Amino acid sequence: KREETHKMAESNKAFAHYRW
């Protein structure tokens, strides 16, 4: 199952951008 990881990675990118 790599869909969860992929989704988390995308969310992480957006989250990191939002955090800064």
PDB file of N, CA and C in Angstrom:
ATOM      1  N   LYS A   1       0.858  -1.207   0.000  1.00  0.00           N
ATOM      2  CA  LYS A   1       0.000   0.000   0.000  1.00  0.00           C
ATOM      3  C   LYS A   1       0.887   1.249   0.000  1.00  0.00           C
ATOM      4  N   ARG A   2       0.936   1.943  -1.075  1.00  0.00           N
ATOM      5  CA  ARG A   2       1.756   3.156  -1.126  1.00  0.00           C
ATOM      6  C   ARG A   2       0.853   4.397  -1.291  1.00  0.00           C
ATOM      7  N   GLU A   3      -0.433   4.189  -1.368  1.00  0.00           N
ATOM      8  CA  GLU A   3      -1.323   5.356  -1.553  1.00  0.00           C
ATOM      9  C   GLU A   3      -1.299   6.241  -0.302  1.00  0.00           C
ATOM     10  N   GLU A   4      -1.300   5.600   0.841  1.00  0.00           N
ATOM     11  CA  GLU A   4      -1.287   6.376   2.103  1.00  0.00           C
ATOM     12  C   GLU A   4      -0.006   7.212   2.189  1.00  0.00           C
ATOM     13  N   THR A   5       1.100   6.576   1.860  1.00  0.00           N
ATOM     14  CA  THR A   5       2.382   7.311   1.918  1.00  0.00           C
ATOM     15  C   THR A   5       2.371   8.464   0.929  1.00  0.00           C
ATOM     16  N   HIS A   6       1.856   8.204  -0.248  1.00  0.00           N
ATOM     17  CA  HIS A   6       1.838   9.254  -1.276  1.00  0.00           C
ATOM     18  C   HIS A   6       0.961  10.426  -0.802  1.00  0.00           C
ATOM     19  N   LYS A   7      -0.174  10.090  -0.272  1.00  0.00           N
ATOM     20  CA  LYS A   7      -1.095  11.147   0.195  1.00  0.00           C
ATOM     21  C   LYS A   7      -0.436  11.917   1.350  1.00  0.00           C
ATOM     22  N   MET A   8       0.194  11.221   2.230  1.00  0.00           N
ATOM     23  CA  MET A   8       0.831  11.869   3.378  1.00  0.00           C
ATOM     24  C   MET A   8       1.960  12.796   2.881  1.00  0.00           C
ATOM     25  N   ALA A   9       2.685  12.321   1.886  1.00  0.00           N
ATOM     26  CA  ALA A   9       3.798  13.127   1.347  1.00  0.00           C
ATOM     27  C   ALA A   9       3.244  14.431   0.756  1.00  0.00           C
ATOM     28  N   GLU A  10       2.160  14.319   0.024  1.00  0.00           N
ATOM     29  CA  GLU A  10       1.566  15.539  -0.578  1.00  0.00           C
ATOM     30  C   GLU A  10       1.084  16.478   0.533  1.00  0.00           C
ATOM     31  N   SER A  11       0.432  15.912   1.505  1.00  0.00           N
ATOM     32  CA  SER A  11      -0.097  16.722   2.625  1.00  0.00           C
ATOM     33  C   SER A  11       1.072  17.346   3.385  1.00  0.00           C
ATOM     34  N   ASN A  12       2.125  16.566   3.539  1.00  0.00           N
ATOM     35  CA  ASN A  12       3.289  17.061   4.284  1.00  0.00           C
ATOM     36  C   ASN A  12       3.871  18.282   3.566  1.00  0.00           C
ATOM     37  N   LYS A  13       3.943  18.214   2.238  1.00  0.00           N
ATOM     38  CA  LYS A  13       4.511  19.338   1.465  1.00  0.00           C
ATOM     39  C   LYS A  13       3.655  20.590   1.694  1.00  0.00           C
ATOM     40  N   ALA A  14       2.366  20.430   1.587  1.00  0.00           N
ATOM     41  CA  ALA A  14       1.460  21.578   1.767  1.00  0.00           C
ATOM     42  C   ALA A  14       1.553  22.063   3.212  1.00  0.00           C
ATOM     43  N   PHE A  15       1.613  21.136   4.136  1.00  0.00           N
ATOM     44  CA  PHE A  15       1.676  21.508   5.557  1.00  0.00           C
ATOM     45  C   PHE A  15       2.971  22.284   5.843  1.00  0.00           C
ATOM     46  N   ALA A  16       4.057  21.796   5.296  1.00  0.00           N
ATOM     47  CA  ALA A  16       5.351  22.459   5.522  1.00  0.00           C
ATOM     48  C   ALA A  16       5.296  23.878   4.936  1.00  0.00           C
ATOM     49  N   HIS A  17       4.676  24.012   3.786  1.00  0.00           N
ATOM     50  CA  HIS A  17       4.600  25.342   3.158  1.00  0.00           C
ATOM     51  C   HIS A  17       3.719  26.265   4.009  1.00  0.00           C
ATOM     52  N   TYR A  18       2.673  25.673   4.564  1.00  0.00           N
ATOM     53  CA  TYR A  18       1.738  26.489   5.363  1.00  0.00           C
ATOM     54  C   TYR A  18       2.393  26.880   6.696  1.00  0.00           C
ATOM     55  N   ARG A  19       3.212  25.965   7.196  1.00  0.00           N
ATOM     56  CA  ARG A  19       3.837  26.225   8.509  1.00  0.00           C
ATOM     57  C   ARG A  19       4.760  27.444   8.383  1.00  0.00           C
ATOM     58  N   TRP A  20       5.435  27.583   7.334  1.00  0.00           N
ATOM     59  CA  TRP A  20       6.401  28.695   7.226  1.00  0.00           C
ATOM     60  C   TRP A  20       5.690  29.995   6.912  1.00  0.00           C
TER      61      TRP A  20
END
